[in-house]
Amino acid sequence: MVFPTIMPANSVSGFNITNSLRFNDGDNAELTRTPGSEGDKQKHTISMWVKRCTIDSNQALFSAGPNDSTVYSIRFLSDSLYISQSSGFVKDTSRLFRDPSAWYHIVIAIDTTDGTQNDRIKVYINGVLETSFAENSFAGGQNLNTPVNDDVIHAVGYDTLNDAVPFDGYIAEFHLIDGTQKAASDFGETDDNGVWIPKRYTGTYGTNGVYLEFKQTGTGTNASGMGADTSGNTHHYAPVNLAATDVTTDTPTNNFATMNPLYLRTGGAPVFSEGNTFSDQSSANTLQFSTILVTQGKWYMEVKVVAVGGLAAVGISDPSIYDNGNPDTKIISYRSNGQKKNLGTASSYGNTFTTGDIIGMAFDADDGNLYFYKNGTAENSGTAAFTGIDTSSGYVIGSIGYNGEASNNYGNPSYAISSGNADANGYGNFEYAVPSGYFALCTKNLAEYGG
């Protein structure tokens, strides 16, 4: 199994993105706004950072337009990036986007007045101008008007005309520039490792431009809402089917682990949701683990048990579990019947757990020790459940569901936290105190303590 690429946290300018907004496709979540007046309908730039959760599906990132004849859309068409306007243009990238752990920077820069057809729509991915397209047409002609910046409905994470294609994933640092065709370098830079990262945009926004930072958790269409515009224009977007828990700290400058939909071994089909933090295994016998593999460092996570059908378990797995063979021989876990199980051998350990319980797990990959907690209390009087684990090949962290449901919290829970506890570096949001010396599984901690 090849693990997806994790963006490092190195920076040149020191710009830090603190928040993103999690869109759950099952909720038909979106942000909407209808401008009160027209702006520039021939020139605009849209910049956003995106982390996908569902692969091989049709998902809208942004749309504008009141009807089929004029709708404008940026979407993933299966796994390509598809930019289109009805009877106007189509650009469908040859590049595919299949990494559920990566943050992608997408810039769509349009100037339909340009005399060179190929320069009217510029698509940048991670700072690079795309030149290879499966489909590339511009039927609308020079000086085409788009619905963007017109006084028609605009939507982030949704298609204004198609309820069947909502986005499933995270969006951060959303800019809409009215009246200018910008370059990717206005929004990003290359770090000291040669990786494309965000930088602060210092330009203007024009009449209908917006800047969405997702720093607020309110549901109103105002400065306290999730769709608050901080460009200075105060063009706030209205949150639809979004909750305070959808504002997360999983960002391009601090990428958190989630469950990995590409890394499953299952006796059925699990249904992931809430940004790949929640798993419904009601018809499945499923193993699910993190997008980040660790070989060193000390890491903490929590699993909220939502339903127990058969046995539930929390633990770690050797990544070779997805090769042929018996998966039980690769898992080290604490099970809902109170047993611990080490590579296929079960023995007594601690308390049973069930629906509503939150199981904490502290994995010391430096010394090879694994500890468990039930509702904040250490199991087995704080004695490690397992010691001397060989971590040379790395482990992934998560839960095992047998016909149940679970929410894996690597630091950005999909459920409300009553207390709120971060690690010693200030990262993550957990129900119970993070054990001393342990940290949330995110790239800033990885950069400091290794993975």
Protein backbone atom coordinates (compact mmCIF):
# COMPACT_ATOMS: atom_id res chain seq x y z
CA MET A 1 0.00 0.00 0.00
CA VAL A 2 1.39 3.42 -0.96
CA PHE A 3 0.33 6.17 1.44
CA PRO A 4 -0.94 9.49 0.09
CA THR A 5 1.36 12.50 0.19
CA ILE A 6 1.13 14.68 3.31
CA MET A 7 1.91 18.38 2.81
CA PRO A 8 4.66 19.55 5.16
CA ALA A 9 4.25 22.60 7.36
CA ASN A 10 7.33 24.54 6.26
CA SER A 11 6.78 28.19 5.33
CA VAL A 12 8.62 31.01 3.59
CA SER A 13 6.53 34.05 4.49
CA GLY A 14 5.20 32.58 7.74
CA PHE A 15 1.56 32.84 6.63
CA ASN A 16 -0.65 30.48 8.57
CA ILE A 17 -4.20 29.37 7.72
CA THR A 18 -6.06 28.65 10.94
CA ASN A 19 -9.39 27.28 9.73
CA SER A 20 -11.24 25.40 7.05
CA LEU A 21 -14.89 24.52 6.52
CA ARG A 22 -15.96 20.89 6.35
CA PHE A 23 -18.66 20.10 3.78
CA ASN A 24 -20.55 16.83 4.30
CA ASP A 25 -22.23 15.78 1.07
CA GLY A 26 -24.96 13.91 2.92
CA ASP A 27 -26.09 17.22 4.44
CA ASN A 28 -26.22 19.14 1.14
CA ALA A 29 -24.09 21.77 2.85
CA GLU A 30 -23.31 25.06 1.10
CA LEU A 31 -22.61 28.77 1.42
CA THR A 32 -24.73 31.05 -0.76
CA ARG A 33 -24.98 34.70 -1.73
CA THR A 34 -26.80 36.70 -4.38
CA PRO A 35 -24.99 40.01 -5.05
CA GLY A 36 -27.17 43.10 -4.91
CA SER A 37 -25.60 44.60 -8.04
CA GLU A 38 -23.52 43.58 -11.04
CA GLY A 39 -19.75 43.54 -11.03
CA ASP A 40 -17.33 42.60 -13.79
CA LYS A 41 -18.82 39.60 -15.60
CA GLN A 42 -15.82 39.12 -17.92
CA LYS A 43 -12.91 39.08 -15.49
CA HIS A 44 -12.58 37.24 -12.19
CA THR A 45 -10.31 34.96 -10.18
CA ILE A 46 -11.28 32.22 -7.74
CA SER A 47 -8.64 30.79 -5.42
CA MET A 48 -9.26 28.06 -2.85
CA TRP A 49 -7.51 25.23 -1.06
CA VAL A 50 -9.38 21.92 -1.18
CA LYS A 51 -9.06 18.56 0.57
CA ARG A 52 -11.24 15.84 -0.94
CA CYS A 53 -12.89 13.11 1.10
CA THR A 54 -14.83 11.12 -1.49
CA ILE A 55 -12.97 9.97 -4.59
CA ASP A 56 -14.44 9.06 -7.99
CA SER A 57 -17.54 11.22 -7.66
CA ASN A 58 -19.06 14.35 -9.19
CA GLN A 59 -18.77 17.20 -6.67
CA ALA A 60 -19.30 20.95 -7.02
CA LEU A 61 -16.77 23.35 -5.49
CA PHE A 62 -18.36 26.60 -6.69
CA SER A 63 -21.21 27.62 -8.97
CA ALA A 64 -23.06 30.72 -10.14
CA GLY A 65 -26.09 31.20 -12.32
CA PRO A 66 -29.85 31.20 -12.27
CA ASN A 67 -30.65 28.64 -14.99
CA ASP A 68 -29.32 25.96 -17.33
CA SER A 69 -28.44 28.42 -20.09
CA THR A 70 -25.98 30.43 -17.99
CA VAL A 71 -24.79 28.26 -15.10
CA TYR A 72 -21.06 28.41 -14.30
CA SER A 73 -19.45 25.57 -12.37
CA ILE A 74 -16.14 24.45 -10.88
CA ARG A 75 -16.31 20.81 -9.88
CA PHE A 76 -14.62 17.47 -9.69
CA LEU A 77 -16.00 15.36 -12.51
CA SER A 78 -15.15 11.97 -11.09
CA ASP A 79 -11.48 12.75 -10.38
CA SER A 80 -10.66 15.47 -12.91
CA LEU A 81 -11.21 19.18 -12.35
CA TYR A 82 -13.99 20.43 -14.61
CA ILE A 83 -14.67 24.13 -15.24
CA SER A 84 -17.62 24.97 -17.45
CA GLN A 85 -20.30 27.45 -18.44
CA SER A 86 -23.39 26.40 -20.35
CA SER A 87 -22.94 27.19 -24.06
CA GLY A 88 -19.75 29.02 -23.13
CA PHE A 89 -16.69 26.92 -22.36
CA VAL A 90 -15.35 23.67 -20.94
CA LYS A 91 -11.96 22.87 -19.44
CA ASP A 92 -11.56 19.34 -18.12
CA THR A 93 -8.11 18.55 -16.75
CA SER A 94 -6.16 15.48 -17.74
CA ARG A 95 -4.76 15.54 -14.23
CA LEU A 96 -6.68 13.48 -11.66
CA PHE A 97 -7.18 14.28 -7.98
CA ARG A 98 -7.28 11.07 -5.97
CA ASP A 99 -5.40 11.85 -2.76
CA PRO A 100 -7.79 12.15 0.23
CA SER A 101 -4.99 13.35 2.52
CA ALA A 102 -3.66 16.18 0.36
CA TRP A 103 -4.60 19.84 0.23
CA TYR A 104 -4.80 21.06 -3.38
CA HIS A 105 -4.54 24.72 -4.32
CA ILE A 106 -6.92 25.56 -7.18
CA VAL A 107 -6.93 28.90 -8.99
CA ILE A 108 -9.36 29.66 -11.83
CA ALA A 109 -8.45 32.99 -13.48
CA ILE A 110 -10.72 34.27 -16.25
CA ASP A 111 -10.53 37.19 -18.69
CA THR A 112 -12.86 36.61 -21.62
CA THR A 113 -11.72 39.88 -23.26
CA ASP A 114 -8.29 38.39 -24.00
CA GLY A 115 -7.63 38.07 -27.73
CA THR A 116 -5.87 34.73 -27.25
CA GLN A 117 -8.46 32.03 -26.66
CA ASN A 118 -6.24 29.78 -24.53
CA ASP A 119 -5.44 32.69 -22.19
CA ARG A 120 -9.06 33.50 -21.40
CA ILE A 121 -9.33 30.73 -18.79
CA LYS A 122 -6.23 29.86 -16.80
CA VAL A 123 -6.25 26.91 -14.40
CA TYR A 124 -3.48 26.62 -11.82
CA ILE A 125 -2.99 23.56 -9.62
CA ASN A 126 -0.50 23.94 -6.76
CA GLY A 127 1.05 26.92 -8.50
CA VAL A 128 1.45 25.30 -11.91
CA LEU A 129 -0.48 26.46 -14.98
CA GLU A 130 -2.37 23.50 -16.42
CA THR A 131 -1.75 22.88 -20.13
CA SER A 132 -3.13 19.35 -20.59
CA PHE A 133 -6.89 18.95 -20.87
CA ALA A 134 -9.13 16.03 -21.76
CA GLU A 135 -11.56 18.62 -23.11
CA ASN A 136 -10.79 22.26 -23.91
CA SER A 137 -13.34 24.38 -25.78
CA PHE A 138 -14.49 27.99 -25.80
CA ALA A 139 -17.71 28.26 -27.79
CA GLY A 140 -18.87 31.52 -26.22
CA GLY A 141 -16.44 33.74 -28.07
CA GLN A 142 -14.39 36.73 -26.97
CA ASN A 143 -16.01 39.07 -24.40
CA LEU A 144 -18.31 36.35 -23.10
CA ASN A 145 -20.22 37.33 -19.98
CA THR A 146 -20.20 34.86 -17.08
CA PRO A 147 -22.70 34.69 -14.20
CA VAL A 148 -19.82 35.25 -11.75
CA ASN A 149 -20.13 38.72 -10.17
CA ASP A 150 -23.60 39.11 -11.72
CA ASP A 151 -26.61 39.64 -9.45
CA VAL A 152 -27.47 35.92 -9.47
CA ILE A 153 -27.03 33.20 -6.87
CA HIS A 154 -23.45 32.12 -6.07
CA ALA A 155 -22.71 28.96 -4.07
CA VAL A 156 -19.59 27.53 -2.43
CA GLY A 157 -19.51 23.74 -2.09
CA TYR A 158 -22.69 23.28 -4.12
CA ASP A 159 -24.19 23.46 -7.60
CA THR A 160 -26.96 26.05 -7.85
CA LEU A 161 -28.92 23.81 -10.22
CA ASN A 162 -27.98 20.24 -9.28
CA ASP A 163 -28.68 18.98 -5.75
CA ALA A 164 -27.01 15.66 -6.57
CA VAL A 165 -23.41 16.93 -6.66
CA PRO A 166 -22.57 18.63 -3.31
CA PHE A 167 -18.93 18.77 -2.28
CA ASP A 168 -17.55 16.27 0.23
CA GLY A 169 -14.41 17.58 1.88
CA TYR A 170 -12.71 20.66 3.26
CA ILE A 171 -12.30 24.14 1.76
CA ALA A 172 -9.91 26.76 3.12
CA GLU A 173 -8.82 30.29 2.16
CA PHE A 174 -11.54 31.05 -0.42
CA HIS A 175 -11.03 34.19 -2.52
CA LEU A 176 -13.27 35.61 -5.23
CA ILE A 177 -11.66 38.56 -7.03
CA ASP A 178 -14.02 40.73 -9.10
CA GLY A 179 -12.51 42.43 -12.16
CA THR A 180 -8.97 40.96 -12.33
CA GLN A 181 -7.36 37.84 -13.76
CA LYS A 182 -4.78 36.96 -11.12
CA ALA A 183 -1.91 34.46 -11.12
CA ALA A 184 -1.43 31.62 -8.63
CA SER A 185 1.61 33.46 -7.27
CA ASP A 186 -0.74 36.08 -5.82
CA PHE A 187 -2.00 33.42 -3.38
CA GLY A 188 0.87 30.96 -2.94
CA GLU A 189 4.62 30.43 -2.92
CA THR A 190 7.19 27.64 -2.98
CA ASP A 191 8.61 26.69 0.40
CA ASP A 192 12.17 25.70 1.30
CA ASN A 193 11.40 22.09 0.33
CA GLY A 194 10.06 23.03 -3.09
CA VAL A 195 6.42 22.50 -2.02
CA TRP A 196 3.64 24.93 -2.97
CA ILE A 197 2.13 26.55 0.13
CA PRO A 198 -0.26 29.46 0.87
CA LYS A 199 0.79 33.07 1.24
CA ARG A 200 -1.23 36.12 2.21
CA TYR A 201 -3.09 37.81 -0.66
CA THR A 202 -2.50 41.58 -0.59
CA GLY A 203 -4.51 42.74 -3.61
CA THR A 204 -7.97 44.24 -3.94
CA TYR A 205 -11.28 42.41 -4.36
CA GLY A 206 -13.44 44.58 -6.61
CA THR A 207 -17.18 45.16 -6.37
CA ASN A 208 -18.45 41.65 -5.55
CA GLY A 209 -15.21 40.06 -4.34
CA VAL A 210 -15.07 38.08 -1.10
CA TYR A 211 -12.54 36.51 1.24
CA LEU A 212 -13.81 33.59 3.34
CA GLU A 213 -11.51 32.52 6.20
CA PHE A 214 -14.04 30.36 8.11
CA LYS A 215 -12.96 31.68 11.51
CA GLN A 216 -16.50 32.12 12.87
CA THR A 217 -18.98 29.42 13.87
CA GLY A 218 -22.32 31.21 13.67
CA THR A 219 -25.13 30.25 11.32
CA GLY A 220 -26.19 33.79 10.47
CA THR A 221 -25.39 35.77 7.33
CA ASN A 222 -23.16 38.25 9.12
CA ALA A 223 -19.66 38.86 10.45
CA SER A 224 -20.15 36.14 13.09
CA GLY A 225 -21.25 33.51 10.59
CA MET A 226 -19.27 30.74 8.95
CA GLY A 227 -19.58 32.58 5.65
CA ALA A 228 -18.24 35.89 6.98
CA ASP A 229 -16.52 37.97 4.29
CA THR A 230 -13.33 39.57 5.60
CA SER A 231 -12.30 41.25 2.34
CA GLY A 232 -13.65 44.56 3.56
CA ASN A 233 -16.69 44.31 1.29
CA THR A 234 -18.82 42.60 3.98
CA HIS A 235 -20.43 40.37 1.34
CA HIS A 236 -21.26 37.65 3.83
CA TYR A 237 -22.38 34.24 2.56
CA ALA A 238 -25.29 32.38 4.15
CA PRO A 239 -24.49 28.96 5.71
CA VAL A 240 -26.91 26.22 4.70
CA ASN A 241 -26.93 22.85 6.51
CA LEU A 242 -23.67 23.67 8.29
CA ALA A 243 -22.92 23.49 12.03
CA ALA A 244 -20.29 24.94 14.34
CA THR A 245 -18.47 21.59 14.33
CA ASP A 246 -17.90 22.02 10.59
CA VAL A 247 -15.39 24.80 11.28
CA THR A 248 -12.10 22.92 11.69
CA THR A 249 -8.38 23.53 12.17
CA ASP A 250 -7.47 21.03 9.45
CA THR A 251 -5.77 23.36 6.96
CA PRO A 252 -3.11 23.51 4.23
CA THR A 253 -0.59 24.77 6.80
CA ASN A 254 -1.50 22.15 9.42
CA ASN A 255 -2.89 19.04 7.80
CA PHE A 256 -4.61 16.66 10.25
CA ALA A 257 -5.04 12.94 9.88
CA THR A 258 -8.47 11.59 8.94
CA MET A 259 -9.65 8.10 8.12
CA ASN A 260 -8.29 6.94 4.79
CA PRO A 261 -10.95 5.74 2.29
CA LEU A 262 -8.21 4.30 0.06
CA TYR A 263 -6.85 2.17 2.88
CA LEU A 264 -9.51 -0.31 3.89
CA ARG A 265 -9.88 -3.98 4.46
CA THR A 266 -13.52 -4.80 4.85
CA GLY A 267 -16.18 -7.47 4.87
CA GLY A 268 -18.66 -4.93 3.52
CA ALA A 269 -18.90 -1.36 2.35
CA PRO A 270 -18.41 1.27 5.09
CA VAL A 271 -19.94 4.70 4.60
CA PHE A 272 -17.61 7.55 5.51
CA SER A 273 -18.91 11.04 6.25
CA GLU A 274 -18.12 14.26 8.12
CA GLY A 275 -14.81 14.82 6.40
CA ASN A 276 -13.77 11.17 6.77
CA THR A 277 -14.05 11.32 10.56
CA PHE A 278 -17.26 9.28 10.91
CA SER A 279 -17.80 5.72 9.74
CA ASP A 280 -21.05 3.80 9.46
CA GLN A 281 -20.27 0.10 9.38
CA SER A 282 -23.82 -1.11 10.02
CA SER A 283 -23.46 -3.43 7.02
CA ALA A 284 -19.75 -3.99 7.27
CA ASN A 285 -16.92 -5.60 9.16
CA THR A 286 -14.45 -2.81 8.65
CA LEU A 287 -10.91 -1.81 9.52
CA GLN A 288 -10.24 1.91 9.15
CA PHE A 289 -7.08 3.78 9.86
CA SER A 290 -5.38 7.15 9.56
CA THR A 291 -4.05 8.90 6.46
CA ILE A 292 -0.75 9.39 8.32
CA LEU A 293 1.65 6.54 9.09
CA VAL A 294 3.92 6.97 12.11
CA THR A 295 7.24 5.37 13.01
CA GLN A 296 8.23 7.66 15.88
CA GLY A 297 6.79 10.29 18.19
CA LYS A 298 3.94 10.13 20.74
CA TRP A 299 0.39 10.45 19.42
CA TYR A 300 -3.10 10.74 20.89
CA MET A 301 -6.57 10.33 19.42
CA GLU A 302 -10.11 9.62 20.63
CA VAL A 303 -12.83 7.39 19.23
CA LYS A 304 -16.45 8.04 20.11
CA VAL A 305 -18.47 4.83 19.96
CA VAL A 306 -21.79 5.67 18.31
CA ALA A 307 -23.16 2.15 17.94
CA VAL A 308 -21.88 -1.35 18.67
CA GLY A 309 -23.29 -4.10 16.51
CA GLY A 310 -20.80 -6.86 17.28
CA LEU A 311 -17.39 -6.08 18.71
CA ALA A 312 -15.75 -2.67 18.39
CA ALA A 313 -12.05 -2.02 18.78
CA VAL A 314 -9.55 0.83 18.88
CA GLY A 315 -5.93 0.30 17.99
CA ILE A 316 -3.08 0.35 15.52
CA SER A 317 -2.17 -1.69 12.49
CA ASP A 318 0.92 -2.64 10.58
CA PRO A 319 0.41 -1.13 7.08
CA SER A 320 0.96 -4.53 5.47
CA ILE A 321 -2.51 -5.52 6.72
CA TYR A 322 -3.81 -4.84 3.24
CA ASP A 323 -1.56 -7.41 1.65
CA ASN A 324 -2.86 -10.95 1.33
CA GLY A 325 -3.17 -12.80 4.60
CA ASN A 326 -5.02 -12.78 7.89
CA PRO A 327 -5.64 -9.15 8.98
CA ASP A 328 -5.92 -10.19 12.63
CA THR A 329 -2.19 -10.88 12.68
CA LYS A 330 -1.45 -7.20 11.94
CA ILE A 331 -3.69 -5.45 14.49
CA ILE A 332 -2.98 -4.44 18.10
CA SER A 333 -6.18 -3.29 19.82
CA TYR A 334 -8.49 -2.81 22.82
CA ARG A 335 -11.92 -4.34 22.23
CA SER A 336 -15.40 -3.50 23.49
CA ASN A 337 -15.61 -6.79 25.42
CA GLY A 338 -12.74 -5.58 27.62
CA GLN A 339 -10.09 -7.72 25.99
CA LYS A 340 -6.88 -6.65 24.33
CA LYS A 341 -5.77 -8.37 21.18
CA ASN A 342 -2.19 -8.62 20.01
CA LEU A 343 -1.61 -9.82 16.46
CA GLY A 344 -4.42 -12.37 16.63
CA THR A 345 -4.18 -13.39 20.31
CA ALA A 346 -6.81 -12.05 22.73
CA SER A 347 -6.46 -11.75 26.51
CA SER A 348 -8.17 -9.96 29.40
CA TYR A 349 -7.31 -6.29 29.86
CA GLY A 350 -9.81 -3.72 31.12
CA ASN A 351 -13.39 -2.48 31.22
CA THR A 352 -15.95 -3.13 28.56
CA PHE A 353 -17.17 -0.16 26.51
CA THR A 354 -20.27 0.56 24.50
CA THR A 355 -22.38 3.21 22.76
CA GLY A 356 -21.60 6.74 23.96
CA ASP A 357 -18.19 5.93 25.42
CA ILE A 358 -15.10 7.82 24.25
CA ILE A 359 -11.97 5.71 24.03
CA GLY A 360 -8.66 7.52 24.10
CA MET A 361 -5.52 5.99 22.67
CA ALA A 362 -1.94 7.11 23.36
CA PHE A 363 0.67 5.53 21.11
CA ASP A 364 4.31 5.93 22.07
CA ALA A 365 6.02 5.00 18.82
CA ASP A 366 9.44 5.86 20.28
CA ASP A 367 9.33 3.13 22.94
CA GLY A 368 6.68 0.93 21.33
CA ASN A 369 4.08 1.31 24.10
CA LEU A 370 0.30 1.61 23.69
CA TYR A 371 -2.14 2.94 26.32
CA PHE A 372 -5.93 3.20 26.37
CA TYR A 373 -8.44 5.38 28.24
CA LYS A 374 -12.18 5.03 28.75
CA ASN A 375 -13.98 8.35 29.20
CA GLY A 376 -10.78 10.01 30.39
CA THR A 377 -9.69 7.31 32.85
CA ALA A 378 -6.62 5.21 32.10
CA GLU A 379 -7.32 1.52 31.71
CA ASN A 380 -5.35 -1.07 33.68
CA SER A 381 -4.28 1.60 36.22
CA GLY A 382 -2.26 3.38 33.54
CA THR A 383 -0.08 0.39 32.77
CA ALA A 384 0.57 0.02 29.04
CA ALA A 385 -1.65 -2.51 27.33
CA PHE A 386 1.21 -3.38 25.01
CA THR A 387 4.95 -2.77 25.27
CA GLY A 388 7.92 -3.24 23.00
CA ILE A 389 5.97 -2.87 19.74
CA ASP A 390 8.32 -2.91 16.76
CA THR A 391 7.51 0.33 14.94
CA SER A 392 10.27 0.14 12.31
CA SER A 393 7.77 -0.39 9.48
CA GLY A 394 5.33 2.16 10.88
CA TYR A 395 1.77 1.96 12.15
CA VAL A 396 -1.53 3.56 11.24
CA ILE A 397 -3.98 4.53 13.98
CA GLY A 398 -7.74 4.12 14.10
CA SER A 399 -10.71 1.89 14.87
CA ILE A 400 -12.18 -1.43 13.84
CA GLY A 401 -15.93 -1.70 13.49
CA TYR A 402 -18.05 -4.81 13.48
CA ASN A 403 -21.49 -3.73 12.27
CA GLY A 404 -21.40 -0.50 14.28
CA GLU A 405 -20.61 3.20 13.99
CA ALA A 406 -17.70 5.28 15.23
CA SER A 407 -16.31 8.79 15.06
CA ASN A 408 -12.52 8.99 14.91
CA ASN A 409 -11.21 12.25 16.37
CA TYR A 410 -7.64 13.06 15.37
CA GLY A 411 -8.16 16.63 16.58
CA ASN A 412 -11.16 17.91 14.59
CA PRO A 413 -14.23 16.05 15.89
CA SER A 414 -17.49 15.89 13.99
CA TYR A 415 -19.37 15.90 17.28
CA ALA A 416 -19.71 18.62 19.93
CA ILE A 417 -17.02 18.64 22.62
CA SER A 418 -18.23 19.58 26.10
CA SER A 419 -14.85 20.47 27.63
CA GLY A 420 -12.25 21.06 24.93
CA ASN A 421 -8.64 20.01 25.34
CA ALA A 422 -5.70 20.69 23.02
CA ASP A 423 -2.25 19.13 23.15
CA ALA A 424 0.71 20.99 24.67
CA ASN A 425 1.34 22.76 21.34
CA GLY A 426 -2.25 24.00 21.21
CA TYR A 427 -3.39 21.67 18.42
CA GLY A 428 -6.49 19.50 18.33
CA ASN A 429 -9.80 19.51 20.17
CA PHE A 430 -10.43 16.53 22.43
CA GLU A 431 -13.02 15.68 25.07
CA TYR A 432 -10.41 14.63 27.61
CA ALA A 433 -6.98 15.93 28.56
CA VAL A 434 -4.21 14.84 26.24
CA PRO A 435 -1.65 12.77 28.20
CA SER A 436 1.56 14.66 28.93
CA GLY A 437 4.08 14.34 26.12
CA TYR A 438 1.53 13.17 23.52
CA PHE A 439 0.29 15.17 20.55
CA ALA A 440 -2.44 15.37 17.94
CA LEU A 441 -1.63 13.72 14.62
CA CYS A 442 -1.04 16.72 12.34
CA THR A 443 1.78 17.95 10.11
CA LYS A 444 3.00 20.71 12.45
CA ASN A 445 3.52 18.15 15.20
CA LEU A 446 5.03 15.73 12.72
CA ALA A 447 7.54 18.38 11.63
CA GLU A 448 8.61 18.81 15.27
CA TYR A 449 8.50 15.25 16.56
CA GLY A 450 8.78 13.14 13.43
CA GLY A 451 6.36 10.61 12.07
